[in-house]
Amino acid sequence: MVAEPYVESEKLISNPSDRSQWTERAQGLLSWATSFWVLGAAFIVVTFAAAGPLRVWDYKLNRRWLYLFDPDLVWFVQHILDPIAGQAVCLPVLAITAIVLSRKRRSWRPIVFAIAVEAAFYLGIGSLKVLLARPATTLHDPRFFQGGLIEIGGRGISYPSGHAAEAVLIYGAVAYLIATYSNVTTRTVRLLCWGVAAVSVNSVVVSFALGWHWATDLIGGLLIGGFFLQLLIIADKRIPDPRT
């Protein structure tokens, strides 16, 4: 008599339809959280917070943590892990992916998309860095409009983090191109998404551990990188292919 209710409840818990419903809900929530509008709004909120109440926390959290934890790891982290999200690595990956897929599909769209991604990084994110003019952590001033490209060079354009933005934008574009313009399985697409997430986490952890960026720089970089990626994906999907 006791076993029957237990078995019945176990069946209800392990019902495949229930699991699929939870999966659909989770996917819907993730799609909403990474949507164009949500990412844009979140970036604005983080920017105002970084310019105001979070400045104190940025200053308190700014340490060269890796030097304090284990100086022997600095060379490996700085020269092996950090360049993964830099242009020297991610740009060739994006270019090769776009060229191969363009040849395979006999279409210029992957190459055009890759060029648009680079333009978004330099013109979009780069303009924000110059406009907001936040000094780097080495200058010990987390305020906005206190730096500047002309006045201090690269040390005056800290927000948003370029490496964090590249991790999401460039590698996200690679994943999108492969998922859209090649015949890969759903499992492969899922692995690509996890790869983008791993590169993004690596970029944030490395920059923070080395003390190269304020904490809000990194959060803002992830958000604005995702914002431009979603913007370009929407444009790519809405613009019809001339061949069709």
Protein backbone atom coordinates (compact mmCIF):
# COMPACT_ATOMS: atom_id res chain seq x y z
CA MET A 1 0.00 0.00 0.00
CA VAL A 2 2.89 2.36 0.77
CA ALA A 3 4.87 1.52 -2.35
CA GLU A 4 2.15 2.48 -4.85
CA PRO A 5 2.00 6.20 -4.02
CA TYR A 6 5.80 6.31 -4.02
CA VAL A 7 6.02 4.70 -7.46
CA GLU A 8 3.32 6.97 -8.77
CA SER A 9 5.04 10.11 -7.48
CA GLU A 10 8.34 8.89 -8.92
CA LYS A 11 6.72 8.52 -12.32
CA LEU A 12 5.32 12.03 -12.08
CA ILE A 13 8.71 13.47 -11.22
CA SER A 14 10.52 11.66 -14.01
CA ASN A 15 7.83 12.29 -16.62
CA PRO A 16 9.62 13.24 -19.86
CA SER A 17 6.92 15.77 -20.74
CA ASP A 18 7.53 17.58 -17.44
CA ARG A 19 11.26 17.70 -18.11
CA SER A 20 10.66 19.03 -21.60
CA GLN A 21 8.41 21.74 -20.22
CA TRP A 22 11.10 22.82 -17.76
CA THR A 23 13.64 22.76 -20.57
CA GLU A 24 11.42 24.95 -22.73
CA ARG A 25 10.90 27.38 -19.87
CA ALA A 26 14.63 27.55 -19.19
CA GLN A 27 15.36 28.13 -22.87
CA GLY A 28 12.69 30.81 -23.03
CA LEU A 29 14.13 32.56 -20.00
CA LEU A 30 17.63 32.37 -21.47
CA SER A 31 16.41 33.77 -24.80
CA TRP A 32 14.71 36.64 -22.97
CA ALA A 33 17.77 37.35 -20.82
CA THR A 34 20.05 37.47 -23.87
CA SER A 35 17.68 39.45 -26.05
CA PHE A 36 18.62 42.67 -27.76
CA TRP A 37 16.49 44.86 -25.49
CA VAL A 38 17.43 43.24 -22.19
CA LEU A 39 21.17 43.38 -22.91
CA GLY A 40 20.92 47.01 -23.99
CA ALA A 41 18.93 47.99 -20.90
CA ALA A 42 21.28 46.06 -18.62
CA PHE A 43 24.32 47.81 -20.14
CA ILE A 44 22.76 51.21 -19.49
CA VAL A 45 21.96 50.27 -15.88
CA VAL A 46 25.47 48.92 -15.26
CA THR A 47 27.01 52.04 -16.85
CA PHE A 48 25.08 54.40 -14.59
CA ALA A 49 25.85 52.21 -11.57
CA ALA A 50 29.56 52.14 -12.49
CA ALA A 51 29.56 55.93 -12.76
CA GLY A 52 27.80 56.25 -9.41
CA PRO A 53 27.30 53.87 -6.46
CA LEU A 54 29.54 51.06 -7.72
CA ARG A 55 32.63 53.22 -8.02
CA VAL A 56 33.47 52.55 -4.38
CA TRP A 57 33.26 48.79 -4.90
CA ASP A 58 35.30 48.99 -8.07
CA TYR A 59 38.01 50.73 -6.11
CA LYS A 60 37.86 48.27 -3.20
CA LEU A 61 37.94 45.20 -5.46
CA ASN A 62 40.83 46.49 -7.53
CA ARG A 63 43.84 44.39 -6.63
CA ARG A 64 46.45 42.46 -8.56
CA TRP A 65 44.95 39.32 -7.10
CA LEU A 66 47.04 36.81 -9.01
CA TYR A 67 50.28 38.42 -7.86
CA LEU A 68 49.07 38.03 -4.29
CA PHE A 69 47.82 34.48 -4.77
CA ASP A 70 50.57 32.89 -6.86
CA PRO A 71 53.05 35.05 -8.82
CA ASP A 72 54.36 31.97 -10.62
CA LEU A 73 51.08 31.78 -12.57
CA VAL A 74 51.29 35.33 -13.89
CA TRP A 75 53.31 34.53 -17.03
CA PHE A 76 51.00 31.67 -18.05
CA VAL A 77 47.82 33.66 -17.44
CA GLN A 78 49.14 36.81 -19.12
CA HIS A 79 50.68 35.22 -22.21
CA ILE A 80 48.57 32.10 -22.74
CA LEU A 81 45.07 32.65 -21.32
CA ASP A 82 44.66 36.39 -21.85
CA PRO A 83 45.40 36.51 -25.64
CA ILE A 84 42.56 34.05 -26.34
CA ALA A 85 40.09 36.93 -26.40
CA GLY A 86 42.47 39.32 -28.16
CA GLN A 87 42.37 40.33 -31.81
CA ALA A 88 45.55 38.38 -32.57
CA VAL A 89 43.66 35.15 -31.90
CA CYS A 90 39.94 35.76 -32.32
CA LEU A 91 40.18 37.76 -35.57
CA PRO A 92 41.93 34.94 -37.52
CA VAL A 93 39.40 32.46 -36.10
CA LEU A 94 36.52 34.65 -37.31
CA ALA A 95 38.12 35.30 -40.70
CA ILE A 96 38.91 31.64 -41.41
CA THR A 97 35.40 30.58 -40.36
CA ALA A 98 33.76 33.20 -42.58
CA ILE A 99 35.93 32.43 -45.61
CA VAL A 100 35.45 28.67 -45.37
CA LEU A 101 31.69 28.97 -44.98
CA SER A 102 31.47 31.51 -47.81
CA ARG A 103 33.24 29.13 -50.16
CA LYS A 104 31.13 26.23 -49.00
CA ARG A 105 27.82 28.08 -49.36
CA ARG A 106 28.94 30.09 -52.41
CA SER A 107 27.72 33.22 -50.67
CA TRP A 108 29.30 36.43 -49.46
CA ARG A 109 27.01 36.61 -46.42
CA PRO A 110 29.37 34.99 -43.89
CA ILE A 111 32.20 37.34 -44.91
CA VAL A 112 29.91 40.38 -44.82
CA PHE A 113 28.72 39.31 -41.38
CA ALA A 114 32.30 38.95 -40.14
CA ILE A 115 33.18 42.42 -41.46
CA ALA A 116 30.10 43.84 -39.72
CA VAL A 117 31.19 42.20 -36.47
CA GLU A 118 34.62 43.83 -36.63
CA ALA A 119 33.02 47.17 -37.52
CA ALA A 120 30.70 46.85 -34.52
CA PHE A 121 33.67 46.21 -32.28
CA TYR A 122 35.83 49.09 -33.44
CA LEU A 123 33.15 51.66 -34.29
CA GLY A 124 30.50 50.70 -31.74
CA ILE A 125 32.35 49.47 -28.68
CA GLY A 126 35.45 51.50 -29.49
CA SER A 127 33.38 54.70 -29.66
CA LEU A 128 31.85 53.95 -26.27
CA LYS A 129 35.32 53.47 -24.76
CA VAL A 130 36.49 56.80 -26.15
CA LEU A 131 33.27 58.60 -25.21
CA LEU A 132 33.11 57.40 -21.59
CA ALA A 133 36.86 57.96 -21.08
CA ARG A 134 37.38 55.93 -17.93
CA PRO A 135 40.97 55.64 -16.69
CA ALA A 136 42.55 52.21 -16.25
CA THR A 137 43.06 50.68 -12.82
CA THR A 138 46.73 51.70 -12.79
CA LEU A 139 45.63 55.33 -12.45
CA HIS A 140 43.48 54.52 -9.38
CA ASP A 141 40.54 56.64 -10.56
CA PRO A 142 37.31 54.76 -11.44
CA ARG A 143 35.40 57.88 -12.50
CA PHE A 144 34.16 58.39 -16.04
CA PHE A 145 35.31 61.24 -18.30
CA GLN A 146 38.64 61.46 -16.45
CA GLY A 147 40.73 59.63 -19.03
CA GLY A 148 40.66 59.82 -22.80
CA LEU A 149 42.43 58.32 -25.77
CA ILE A 150 44.24 61.53 -26.69
CA GLU A 151 45.25 62.45 -23.14
CA ILE A 152 46.43 59.07 -21.79
CA GLY A 153 46.20 56.69 -24.72
CA GLY A 154 45.10 53.12 -24.07
CA ARG A 155 45.06 53.69 -20.31
CA GLY A 156 42.24 56.21 -20.67
CA ILE A 157 39.62 54.01 -22.33
CA SER A 158 38.93 51.26 -19.82
CA TYR A 159 35.12 51.01 -19.97
CA PRO A 160 33.71 48.76 -21.35
CA SER A 161 36.35 46.04 -21.40
CA GLY A 162 37.38 45.28 -24.97
CA HIS A 163 38.54 41.74 -24.19
CA ALA A 164 35.27 40.84 -22.47
CA ALA A 165 33.30 42.33 -25.35
CA GLU A 166 35.41 40.46 -27.92
CA ALA A 167 34.93 37.17 -26.12
CA VAL A 168 31.15 37.43 -26.54
CA LEU A 169 30.97 39.29 -29.85
CA ILE A 170 33.71 37.64 -31.90
CA TYR A 171 33.43 34.08 -30.65
CA GLY A 172 29.66 34.39 -30.52
CA ALA A 173 29.76 35.41 -34.18
CA VAL A 174 31.88 32.35 -34.98
CA ALA A 175 29.35 30.11 -33.26
CA TYR A 176 26.47 31.81 -35.09
CA LEU A 177 28.13 31.44 -38.49
CA ILE A 178 28.81 27.76 -37.96
CA ALA A 179 25.30 27.13 -36.62
CA THR A 180 23.62 29.06 -39.47
CA TYR A 181 25.76 28.40 -42.53
CA SER A 182 26.85 24.80 -41.98
CA ASN A 183 25.06 21.53 -41.39
CA VAL A 184 26.14 20.88 -37.83
CA THR A 185 24.09 19.03 -35.25
CA THR A 186 22.22 20.60 -32.34
CA ARG A 187 24.76 19.02 -30.01
CA THR A 188 27.60 20.77 -31.84
CA VAL A 189 25.80 24.11 -31.60
CA ARG A 190 25.31 23.56 -27.88
CA LEU A 191 29.01 22.80 -27.47
CA LEU A 192 29.89 25.96 -29.40
CA CYS A 193 27.70 28.02 -27.07
CA TRP A 194 29.42 26.48 -24.06
CA GLY A 195 32.74 27.31 -25.70
CA VAL A 196 31.75 30.97 -26.05
CA ALA A 197 30.70 31.00 -22.40
CA ALA A 198 34.03 29.45 -21.36
CA VAL A 199 36.06 32.01 -23.33
CA SER A 200 33.98 34.83 -21.82
CA VAL A 201 34.50 33.58 -18.27
CA ASN A 202 38.21 33.15 -18.96
CA SER A 203 38.46 36.73 -20.22
CA VAL A 204 36.71 38.15 -17.17
CA VAL A 205 38.64 36.07 -14.61
CA VAL A 206 42.01 36.77 -16.24
CA SER A 207 41.54 40.54 -16.50
CA PHE A 208 40.19 40.77 -12.96
CA ALA A 209 42.92 38.54 -11.49
CA LEU A 210 45.66 40.57 -13.17
CA GLY A 211 44.07 43.84 -12.03
CA TRP A 212 43.78 45.16 -15.56
CA HIS A 213 40.14 46.23 -15.37
CA TRP A 214 37.61 47.54 -12.92
CA ALA A 215 34.95 44.92 -12.15
CA THR A 216 32.19 46.90 -13.86
CA ASP A 217 34.38 47.25 -16.97
CA LEU A 218 34.15 43.49 -17.41
CA ILE A 219 30.42 43.26 -16.78
CA GLY A 220 29.79 46.11 -19.19
CA GLY A 221 32.02 44.47 -21.79
CA LEU A 222 30.06 41.22 -21.69
CA LEU A 223 26.74 43.05 -21.98
CA ILE A 224 27.71 45.36 -24.83
CA GLY A 225 29.39 42.51 -26.71
CA GLY A 226 26.19 40.49 -26.47
CA PHE A 227 24.13 43.53 -27.45
CA PHE A 228 25.99 44.08 -30.72
CA LEU A 229 26.04 40.35 -31.44
CA GLN A 230 22.25 40.15 -31.13
CA LEU A 231 21.87 43.29 -33.24
CA LEU A 232 23.94 41.80 -36.06
CA ILE A 233 22.20 38.43 -35.85
CA ILE A 234 18.81 40.13 -36.17
CA ALA A 235 20.05 42.11 -39.17
CA ASP A 236 21.52 38.99 -40.82
CA LYS A 237 18.26 37.10 -40.42
CA ARG A 238 16.07 39.92 -41.69
CA ILE A 239 18.12 40.91 -44.74
CA PRO A 240 17.15 38.53 -47.56
CA ASP A 241 19.78 36.60 -49.49
CA PRO A 242 20.08 38.11 -53.01
CA ARG A 243 20.41 34.61 -54.47
CA THR A 244 16.92 33.70 -53.29
